[in-house]
Amino acid sequence: MVALACTEHPHFVPSVAEAGEDFSGAQLHYSVDTVRYFRHAYHGHGDRVYFIVGADAFLDIPTWKEYETLLGLCDFIVANRPGIRAEALRLVIPPELMGRDGKRRDSEAVHECSVVAHLHRTTVYLVENVASEVSATDIRRRTHRGQSIHGLVATRVEEYILKQGLYR
């Protein structure tokens, strides 16, 4: 679906890291393993891996495979959703992962976002001004209920979801 969404944005290049050897995408992949792959592939001095996720999904991170490890492997950029406060996002981060001080590392570039938490090796950022309030969770929920997602996702993504009967 990412590849379908990217067809409307020529500057976006989808990764095939999770497509599998046959490019079917049928194999189950966990975020922690994907981040490990990218950290290995891009391990030059100054390279950083950022995980972009909606606030609603970040609140569920304690249910993810090896989430404590994942939080230490990369910085997170969390796109806020209406009604979610930064404090709620902090509460899902285990206290033992929190850094001792709140000082920003010199290598950090913070643009248009605030810091939710400084962890020992990583940072969780919050982006408040998200252009769209649509979340993947909402798309799955609407599709499951038989509600229209027209205009909420790219046309090709909508067609794929409907044709494959996803989230029903």
N, C-alpha and C. Protein backbone atom coordinates (compact mmCIF):
# COMPACT_ATOMS: atom_id res chain seq x y z
N MET A 1 0.82 -1.19 0.00
CA MET A 1 0.00 0.00 0.00
C MET A 1 0.86 1.26 0.00
N VAL A 2 2.01 1.19 0.64
CA VAL A 2 2.91 2.34 0.64
C VAL A 2 3.33 2.68 -0.78
N ALA A 3 3.66 1.65 -1.56
CA ALA A 3 4.06 1.88 -2.95
C ALA A 3 2.92 2.53 -3.73
N LEU A 4 1.69 2.10 -3.49
CA LEU A 4 0.55 2.70 -4.17
C LEU A 4 0.37 4.16 -3.77
N ALA A 5 0.52 4.45 -2.50
CA ALA A 5 0.39 5.83 -2.03
C ALA A 5 1.50 6.71 -2.60
N CYS A 6 2.68 6.16 -2.76
CA CYS A 6 3.82 6.93 -3.25
C CYS A 6 3.72 7.27 -4.74
N THR A 7 2.88 6.57 -5.48
CA THR A 7 2.77 6.86 -6.91
C THR A 7 2.28 8.27 -7.16
N GLU A 8 1.57 8.85 -6.22
CA GLU A 8 1.07 10.22 -6.37
C GLU A 8 2.08 11.26 -5.89
N HIS A 9 3.20 10.82 -5.38
CA HIS A 9 4.23 11.72 -4.85
C HIS A 9 5.58 11.29 -5.43
N PRO A 10 6.01 11.90 -6.52
CA PRO A 10 7.22 11.44 -7.21
C PRO A 10 8.51 11.53 -6.39
N HIS A 11 8.53 12.34 -5.34
CA HIS A 11 9.75 12.45 -4.52
C HIS A 11 9.82 11.39 -3.43
N PHE A 12 8.75 10.62 -3.26
CA PHE A 12 8.73 9.56 -2.26
C PHE A 12 9.14 8.26 -2.93
N VAL A 13 10.03 7.54 -2.28
CA VAL A 13 10.47 6.25 -2.79
C VAL A 13 10.19 5.20 -1.71
N PRO A 14 9.27 4.29 -1.98
CA PRO A 14 8.96 3.29 -0.96
C PRO A 14 10.10 2.28 -0.79
N SER A 15 10.27 1.82 0.42
CA SER A 15 11.27 0.81 0.70
C SER A 15 10.68 -0.58 0.45
N VAL A 16 11.50 -1.48 -0.01
CA VAL A 16 11.06 -2.87 -0.18
C VAL A 16 11.67 -3.76 0.91
N ALA A 17 12.15 -3.13 1.97
CA ALA A 17 12.81 -3.86 3.06
C ALA A 17 11.91 -4.93 3.66
N GLU A 18 10.61 -4.72 3.66
CA GLU A 18 9.70 -5.69 4.25
C GLU A 18 8.93 -6.49 3.21
N ALA A 19 9.31 -6.38 1.96
CA ALA A 19 8.57 -7.08 0.89
C ALA A 19 8.88 -8.57 0.83
N GLY A 20 10.02 -8.98 1.35
CA GLY A 20 10.40 -10.39 1.29
C GLY A 20 11.08 -10.72 -0.03
N GLU A 21 11.62 -11.90 -0.10
CA GLU A 21 12.35 -12.32 -1.30
C GLU A 21 11.46 -12.38 -2.54
N ASP A 22 10.19 -12.72 -2.35
CA ASP A 22 9.29 -12.81 -3.51
C ASP A 22 8.50 -11.51 -3.73
N PHE A 23 8.80 -10.49 -2.93
CA PHE A 23 8.15 -9.18 -3.01
C PHE A 23 6.64 -9.25 -2.81
N SER A 24 6.17 -10.29 -2.14
CA SER A 24 4.73 -10.43 -1.91
C SER A 24 4.28 -9.64 -0.68
N GLY A 25 5.21 -9.39 0.23
CA GLY A 25 4.84 -8.70 1.45
C GLY A 25 4.02 -9.57 2.39
N ALA A 26 3.97 -10.86 2.11
CA ALA A 26 3.14 -11.77 2.89
C ALA A 26 3.77 -12.15 4.24
N GLN A 27 5.08 -12.04 4.33
CA GLN A 27 5.77 -12.41 5.57
C GLN A 27 5.52 -11.36 6.63
N LEU A 28 5.36 -11.78 7.87
CA LEU A 28 5.14 -10.88 8.99
C LEU A 28 6.46 -10.22 9.38
N HIS A 29 6.44 -8.91 9.53
CA HIS A 29 7.63 -8.16 9.94
C HIS A 29 7.30 -7.35 11.17
N TYR A 30 8.25 -7.26 12.07
CA TYR A 30 8.09 -6.47 13.27
C TYR A 30 8.92 -5.21 13.15
N SER A 31 8.41 -4.12 13.70
CA SER A 31 9.09 -2.82 13.60
C SER A 31 10.50 -2.88 14.14
N VAL A 32 10.70 -3.58 15.25
CA VAL A 32 12.04 -3.65 15.84
C VAL A 32 13.03 -4.29 14.88
N ASP A 33 12.61 -5.29 14.14
CA ASP A 33 13.50 -5.95 13.17
C ASP A 33 13.79 -5.05 11.98
N THR A 34 12.77 -4.31 11.52
CA THR A 34 12.96 -3.39 10.40
C THR A 34 13.93 -2.27 10.79
N VAL A 35 13.77 -1.74 11.99
CA VAL A 35 14.68 -0.68 12.45
C VAL A 35 16.10 -1.23 12.59
N ARG A 36 16.25 -2.44 13.07
CA ARG A 36 17.59 -3.05 13.14
C ARG A 36 18.20 -3.14 11.74
N TYR A 37 17.39 -3.54 10.77
CA TYR A 37 17.86 -3.63 9.39
C TYR A 37 18.37 -2.27 8.91
N PHE A 38 17.60 -1.23 9.11
CA PHE A 38 18.00 0.10 8.64
C PHE A 38 19.20 0.64 9.42
N ARG A 39 19.29 0.35 10.69
CA ARG A 39 20.48 0.78 11.46
C ARG A 39 21.73 0.10 10.93
N HIS A 40 21.60 -1.15 10.51
CA HIS A 40 22.74 -1.88 9.95
C HIS A 40 23.09 -1.32 8.56
N ALA A 41 22.07 -1.06 7.76
CA ALA A 41 22.28 -0.58 6.39
C ALA A 41 22.83 0.85 6.36
N TYR A 42 22.41 1.68 7.31
CA TYR A 42 22.81 3.09 7.36
C TYR A 42 23.46 3.35 8.71
N HIS A 43 24.71 3.01 8.81
CA HIS A 43 25.40 3.11 10.09
C HIS A 43 26.58 4.08 10.06
N GLY A 44 26.55 5.02 9.13
CA GLY A 44 27.63 6.00 9.03
C GLY A 44 27.58 7.00 10.17
N HIS A 45 28.68 7.70 10.37
CA HIS A 45 28.75 8.71 11.42
C HIS A 45 27.68 9.78 11.17
N GLY A 46 26.88 10.05 12.18
CA GLY A 46 25.85 11.06 12.06
C GLY A 46 24.54 10.58 11.49
N ASP A 47 24.50 9.34 10.98
CA ASP A 47 23.24 8.80 10.46
C ASP A 47 22.30 8.51 11.62
N ARG A 48 21.04 8.87 11.46
CA ARG A 48 20.04 8.59 12.49
C ARG A 48 18.82 7.98 11.79
N VAL A 49 18.17 7.09 12.48
CA VAL A 49 16.95 6.49 11.99
C VAL A 49 15.78 7.10 12.76
N TYR A 50 14.78 7.55 12.02
CA TYR A 50 13.58 8.14 12.63
C TYR A 50 12.39 7.26 12.30
N PHE A 51 11.55 7.01 13.29
CA PHE A 51 10.35 6.22 13.12
C PHE A 51 9.18 7.18 13.22
N ILE A 52 8.43 7.33 12.13
CA ILE A 52 7.30 8.25 12.11
C ILE A 52 6.03 7.44 12.37
N VAL A 53 5.25 7.91 13.35
CA VAL A 53 4.08 7.16 13.78
C VAL A 53 3.03 8.14 14.30
N GLY A 54 1.77 7.78 14.17
CA GLY A 54 0.71 8.58 14.75
C GLY A 54 0.64 8.39 16.25
N ALA A 55 0.13 9.40 16.94
CA ALA A 55 0.05 9.34 18.40
C ALA A 55 -0.82 8.18 18.87
N ASP A 56 -1.88 7.90 18.13
CA ASP A 56 -2.76 6.79 18.51
C ASP A 56 -2.00 5.46 18.48
N ALA A 57 -1.15 5.28 17.48
CA ALA A 57 -0.35 4.05 17.39
C ALA A 57 0.73 4.04 18.47
N PHE A 58 1.34 5.21 18.75
CA PHE A 58 2.39 5.26 19.77
C PHE A 58 1.83 4.87 21.14
N LEU A 59 0.59 5.22 21.41
CA LEU A 59 -0.02 4.85 22.69
C LEU A 59 -0.12 3.33 22.86
N ASP A 60 -0.13 2.61 21.74
CA ASP A 60 -0.20 1.14 21.78
C ASP A 60 1.18 0.49 21.77
N ILE A 61 2.24 1.27 21.79
CA ILE A 61 3.59 0.71 21.64
C ILE A 61 3.94 -0.36 22.68
N PRO A 62 3.39 -0.31 23.90
CA PRO A 62 3.71 -1.40 24.84
C PRO A 62 3.26 -2.78 24.36
N THR A 63 2.39 -2.84 23.35
CA THR A 63 1.95 -4.14 22.83
C THR A 63 2.84 -4.63 21.69
N TRP A 64 3.80 -3.82 21.26
CA TRP A 64 4.67 -4.18 20.13
C TRP A 64 5.78 -5.11 20.59
N LYS A 65 6.27 -5.92 19.67
CA LYS A 65 7.38 -6.83 19.94
C LYS A 65 8.62 -6.02 20.35
N GLU A 66 9.21 -6.37 21.48
CA GLU A 66 10.45 -5.75 21.98
C GLU A 66 10.39 -4.22 21.94
N TYR A 67 9.28 -3.67 22.39
CA TYR A 67 9.11 -2.22 22.29
C TYR A 67 10.14 -1.43 23.08
N GLU A 68 10.59 -1.95 24.19
CA GLU A 68 11.61 -1.23 24.96
C GLU A 68 12.91 -1.15 24.17
N THR A 69 13.27 -2.22 23.49
CA THR A 69 14.45 -2.21 22.61
C THR A 69 14.25 -1.22 21.47
N LEU A 70 13.07 -1.27 20.85
CA LEU A 70 12.76 -0.38 19.74
C LEU A 70 12.91 1.08 20.14
N LEU A 71 12.42 1.45 21.31
CA LEU A 71 12.51 2.83 21.77
C LEU A 71 13.96 3.29 21.92
N GLY A 72 14.87 2.35 22.11
CA GLY A 72 16.28 2.69 22.25
C GLY A 72 17.06 2.64 20.95
N LEU A 73 16.44 2.15 19.88
CA LEU A 73 17.14 2.00 18.60
C LEU A 73 17.03 3.21 17.68
N CYS A 74 15.97 3.99 17.83
CA CYS A 74 15.76 5.11 16.90
C CYS A 74 14.96 6.22 17.58
N ASP A 75 15.07 7.39 17.00
CA ASP A 75 14.23 8.50 17.44
C ASP A 75 12.83 8.30 16.89
N PHE A 76 11.83 8.79 17.60
CA PHE A 76 10.45 8.72 17.15
C PHE A 76 9.93 10.11 16.86
N ILE A 77 9.24 10.24 15.75
CA ILE A 77 8.51 11.46 15.44
C ILE A 77 7.05 11.07 15.48
N VAL A 78 6.34 11.61 16.48
CA VAL A 78 4.95 11.24 16.72
C VAL A 78 4.05 12.36 16.20
N ALA A 79 3.19 12.01 15.26
CA ALA A 79 2.22 12.97 14.72
C ALA A 79 1.02 12.99 15.66
N ASN A 80 0.78 14.13 16.26
CA ASN A 80 -0.29 14.20 17.24
C ASN A 80 -1.66 14.06 16.60
N ARG A 81 -2.60 13.63 17.40
CA ARG A 81 -3.99 13.48 17.00
C ARG A 81 -4.83 14.32 17.97
N PRO A 82 -6.00 14.76 17.54
CA PRO A 82 -6.85 15.56 18.43
C PRO A 82 -7.14 14.84 19.74
N GLY A 83 -7.02 15.58 20.83
CA GLY A 83 -7.35 15.05 22.15
C GLY A 83 -6.25 14.26 22.84
N ILE A 84 -5.11 14.10 22.21
CA ILE A 84 -4.02 13.36 22.84
C ILE A 84 -2.98 14.35 23.36
N ARG A 85 -2.66 14.24 24.64
CA ARG A 85 -1.70 15.14 25.27
C ARG A 85 -0.33 14.46 25.36
N ALA A 86 0.71 15.28 25.34
CA ALA A 86 2.08 14.76 25.41
C ALA A 86 2.30 13.90 26.65
N GLU A 87 1.66 14.25 27.74
CA GLU A 87 1.82 13.48 28.98
C GLU A 87 1.34 12.04 28.79
N ALA A 88 0.28 11.84 28.03
CA ALA A 88 -0.22 10.48 27.77
C ALA A 88 0.83 9.68 27.01
N LEU A 89 1.55 10.33 26.10
CA LEU A 89 2.60 9.64 25.34
C LEU A 89 3.77 9.27 26.25
N ARG A 90 4.11 10.16 27.19
CA ARG A 90 5.20 9.87 28.13
C ARG A 90 4.88 8.67 29.02
N LEU A 91 3.61 8.51 29.35
CA LEU A 91 3.22 7.44 30.28
C LEU A 91 3.45 6.04 29.73
N VAL A 92 3.52 5.88 28.41
CA VAL A 92 3.74 4.54 27.85
C VAL A 92 5.23 4.20 27.75
N ILE A 93 6.09 5.16 28.07
CA ILE A 93 7.53 4.93 28.04
C ILE A 93 7.98 4.48 29.43
N PRO A 94 8.58 3.30 29.54
CA PRO A 94 9.02 2.82 30.85
C PRO A 94 10.00 3.82 31.49
N PRO A 95 9.82 4.12 32.77
CA PRO A 95 10.69 5.10 33.44
C PRO A 95 12.18 4.79 33.34
N GLU A 96 12.52 3.50 33.30
CA GLU A 96 13.94 3.14 33.24
C GLU A 96 14.59 3.50 31.90
N LEU A 97 13.78 3.81 30.89
CA LEU A 97 14.32 4.22 29.59
C LEU A 97 14.56 5.72 29.50
N MET A 98 14.00 6.46 30.44
CA MET A 98 14.13 7.91 30.42
C MET A 98 15.57 8.33 30.72
N GLY A 99 16.03 9.35 30.00
CA GLY A 99 17.36 9.90 30.24
C GLY A 99 17.38 10.66 31.55
N ARG A 100 18.56 10.95 32.03
CA ARG A 100 18.68 11.65 33.32
C ARG A 100 18.40 13.13 33.22
N ASP A 101 18.74 13.73 32.10
CA ASP A 101 18.50 15.16 31.98
C ASP A 101 17.67 15.45 30.74
N GLY A 102 17.18 16.64 30.65
CA GLY A 102 16.35 17.03 29.52
C GLY A 102 17.10 17.82 28.49
N LYS A 103 18.41 17.80 28.53
CA LYS A 103 19.18 18.61 27.60
C LYS A 103 19.21 17.98 26.22
N ARG A 104 19.08 18.86 25.22
CA ARG A 104 19.09 18.40 23.84
C ARG A 104 20.52 18.13 23.41
N ARG A 105 20.70 17.05 22.66
CA ARG A 105 22.01 16.76 22.11
C ARG A 105 22.30 17.76 20.99
N ASP A 106 23.56 18.14 20.85
CA ASP A 106 23.92 19.11 19.82
C ASP A 106 23.58 18.65 18.42
N SER A 107 23.57 17.35 18.20
CA SER A 107 23.31 16.82 16.86
C SER A 107 21.82 16.82 16.51
N GLU A 108 20.97 17.12 17.48
CA GLU A 108 19.54 17.08 17.23
C GLU A 108 19.07 18.33 16.51
N ALA A 109 18.31 18.13 15.50
CA ALA A 109 17.70 19.25 14.80
C ALA A 109 16.20 19.20 15.07
N VAL A 110 15.71 20.15 15.81
CA VAL A 110 14.31 20.16 16.17
C VAL A 110 13.62 21.26 15.37
N HIS A 111 12.76 20.87 14.46
CA HIS A 111 12.04 21.81 13.62
C HIS A 111 10.55 21.57 13.78
N GLU A 112 9.82 22.60 14.20
CA GLU A 112 8.37 22.53 14.26
C GLU A 112 7.84 21.39 15.12
N CYS A 113 8.62 20.96 16.11
CA CYS A 113 8.12 19.92 16.99
C CYS A 113 8.69 20.11 18.38
N SER A 114 8.05 19.47 19.33
CA SER A 114 8.52 19.55 20.70
C SER A 114 8.99 18.17 21.15
N VAL A 115 9.73 18.16 22.22
CA VAL A 115 10.26 16.91 22.75
C VAL A 115 9.29 16.34 23.78
N VAL A 116 8.88 15.11 23.55
CA VAL A 116 8.03 14.40 24.51
C VAL A 116 8.90 13.84 25.61
N ALA A 117 10.03 13.21 25.21
CA ALA A 117 10.92 12.59 26.18
C ALA A 117 12.30 12.39 25.59
N HIS A 118 13.30 12.63 26.41
CA HIS A 118 14.67 12.27 26.08
C HIS A 118 14.94 10.92 26.73
N LEU A 119 15.26 9.94 25.92
CA LEU A 119 15.62 8.63 26.45
C LEU A 119 17.14 8.57 26.54
N HIS A 120 17.69 7.44 26.93
CA HIS A 120 19.14 7.34 27.10
C HIS A 120 19.89 7.62 25.81
N ARG A 121 19.43 7.05 24.70
CA ARG A 121 20.13 7.23 23.42
C ARG A 121 19.28 7.86 22.34
N THR A 122 18.01 8.01 22.60
CA THR A 122 17.09 8.49 21.57
C THR A 122 16.16 9.56 22.13
N THR A 123 15.36 10.12 21.24
CA THR A 123 14.41 11.16 21.63
C THR A 123 13.07 10.87 20.98
N VAL A 124 12.00 11.20 21.68
CA VAL A 124 10.65 11.11 21.14
C VAL A 124 10.16 12.53 20.93
N TYR A 125 9.87 12.87 19.66
CA TYR A 125 9.40 14.20 19.29
C TYR A 125 7.90 14.15 19.02
N LEU A 126 7.25 15.29 19.21
CA LEU A 126 5.83 15.41 18.92
C LEU A 126 5.62 16.51 17.91
N VAL A 127 4.98 16.17 16.80
CA VAL A 127 4.63 17.15 15.78
C VAL A 127 3.16 17.50 15.98
N GLU A 128 2.89 18.75 16.30
CA GLU A 128 1.52 19.18 16.61
C GLU A 128 0.72 19.54 15.37
N ASN A 129 1.34 20.17 14.41
CA ASN A 129 0.61 20.70 13.26
C ASN A 129 0.59 19.72 12.11
N VAL A 130 -0.15 18.64 12.28
CA VAL A 130 -0.25 17.62 11.26
C VAL A 130 -1.32 18.06 10.26
N ALA A 131 -0.98 18.03 8.98
CA ALA A 131 -1.88 18.53 7.95
C ALA A 131 -3.17 17.71 7.86
N SER A 132 -3.12 16.46 8.23
CA SER A 132 -4.30 15.60 8.14
C SER A 132 -4.55 14.95 9.49
N GLU A 133 -5.80 14.90 9.87
CA GLU A 133 -6.16 14.25 11.13
C GLU A 133 -6.52 12.78 10.91
N VAL A 134 -6.36 12.29 9.69
CA VAL A 134 -6.68 10.90 9.37
C VAL A 134 -5.57 10.00 9.88
N SER A 135 -5.95 8.93 10.53
CA SER A 135 -4.96 7.97 11.02
C SER A 135 -5.24 6.60 10.42
N ALA A 136 -4.23 5.76 10.40
CA ALA A 136 -4.39 4.39 9.91
C ALA A 136 -5.43 3.66 10.75
N THR A 137 -5.44 3.94 12.04
CA THR A 137 -6.43 3.33 12.94
C THR A 137 -7.84 3.70 12.49
N ASP A 138 -8.05 4.97 12.16
CA ASP A 138 -9.36 5.41 11.69
C ASP A 138 -9.74 4.73 10.38
N ILE A 139 -8.77 4.61 9.48
CA ILE A 139 -9.04 3.97 8.18
C ILE A 139 -9.47 2.52 8.39
N ARG A 140 -8.73 1.79 9.23
CA ARG A 140 -9.09 0.39 9.51
C ARG A 140 -10.47 0.30 10.16
N ARG A 141 -10.74 1.17 11.11
CA ARG A 141 -12.02 1.16 11.82
C ARG A 141 -13.18 1.46 10.85
N ARG A 142 -13.03 2.48 10.03
CA ARG A 142 -14.08 2.85 9.07
C ARG A 142 -14.33 1.71 8.09
N THR A 143 -13.26 1.12 7.58
CA THR A 143 -13.40 0.03 6.62
C THR A 143 -14.10 -1.16 7.27
N HIS A 144 -13.71 -1.48 8.49
CA HIS A 144 -14.32 -2.60 9.22
C HIS A 144 -15.83 -2.38 9.39
N ARG A 145 -16.23 -1.13 9.60
CA ARG A 145 -17.64 -0.80 9.80
C ARG A 145 -18.40 -0.64 8.48
N GLY A 146 -17.69 -0.74 7.36
CA GLY A 146 -18.33 -0.58 6.06
C GLY A 146 -18.53 0.87 5.66
N GLN A 147 -17.86 1.80 6.36
CA GLN A 147 -17.97 3.22 6.04
C GLN A 147 -16.99 3.59 4.93
N SER A 148 -17.28 4.65 4.22
CA SER A 148 -16.44 5.09 3.12
C SER A 148 -15.12 5.67 3.63
N ILE A 149 -14.06 5.40 2.87
CA ILE A 149 -12.75 6.01 3.14
C ILE A 149 -12.35 6.89 1.96
N HIS A 150 -13.29 7.14 1.08
CA HIS A 150 -13.03 7.96 -0.11
C HIS A 150 -12.54 9.35 0.31
N GLY A 151 -11.43 9.75 -0.27
CA GLY A 151 -10.85 11.06 0.04
C GLY A 151 -9.95 11.05 1.26
N LEU A 152 -9.95 9.97 2.01
CA LEU A 152 -9.12 9.88 3.20
C LEU A 152 -7.76 9.25 2.91
N VAL A 153 -7.71 8.47 1.84
CA VAL A 153 -6.47 7.82 1.39
C VAL A 153 -6.35 8.05 -0.11
N ALA A 154 -5.18 7.79 -0.65
CA ALA A 154 -4.99 7.90 -2.09
C ALA A 154 -5.96 6.97 -2.81
N THR A 155 -6.39 7.38 -3.99
CA THR A 155 -7.36 6.60 -4.77
C THR A 155 -6.91 5.16 -4.96
N ARG A 156 -5.64 4.97 -5.33
CA ARG A 156 -5.15 3.61 -5.56
C ARG A 156 -5.14 2.78 -4.27
N VAL A 157 -4.88 3.43 -3.15
CA VAL A 157 -4.90 2.73 -1.86
C VAL A 157 -6.33 2.32 -1.53
N GLU A 158 -7.27 3.22 -1.73
CA GLU A 158 -8.68 2.90 -1.49
C GLU A 158 -9.11 1.71 -2.34
N GLU A 159 -8.77 1.73 -3.62
CA GLU A 159 -9.13 0.63 -4.52
C GLU A 159 -8.53 -0.69 -4.05
N TYR A 160 -7.28 -0.65 -3.62
CA TYR A 160 -6.60 -1.87 -3.16
C TYR A 160 -7.28 -2.42 -1.90
N ILE A 161 -7.55 -1.54 -0.95
CA ILE A 161 -8.20 -1.98 0.30
C ILE A 161 -9.54 -2.63 0.00
N LEU A 162 -10.33 -2.00 -0.85
CA LEU A 162 -11.65 -2.54 -1.18
C LEU A 162 -11.55 -3.84 -1.97
N LYS A 163 -10.65 -3.89 -2.95
CA LYS A 163 -10.51 -5.09 -3.78
C LYS A 163 -10.02 -6.29 -2.97
N GLN A 164 -9.09 -6.04 -2.04
CA GLN A 164 -8.54 -7.13 -1.23
C GLN A 164 -9.42 -7.47 -0.03
N GLY A 165 -10.44 -6.64 0.23
CA GLY A 165 -11.31 -6.89 1.38
C GLY A 165 -10.60 -6.74 2.70
N LEU A 166 -9.65 -5.81 2.77
CA LEU A 166 -8.87 -5.63 3.99
C LEU A 166 -9.71 -4.99 5.11
N TYR A 167 -9.37 -5.34 6.33
CA TYR A 167 -9.93 -4.76 7.56
C TYR A 167 -11.42 -5.07 7.76
N ARG A 168 -11.95 -6.04 7.04
CA ARG A 168 -13.38 -6.39 7.19
C ARG A 168 -13.58 -7.32 8.34
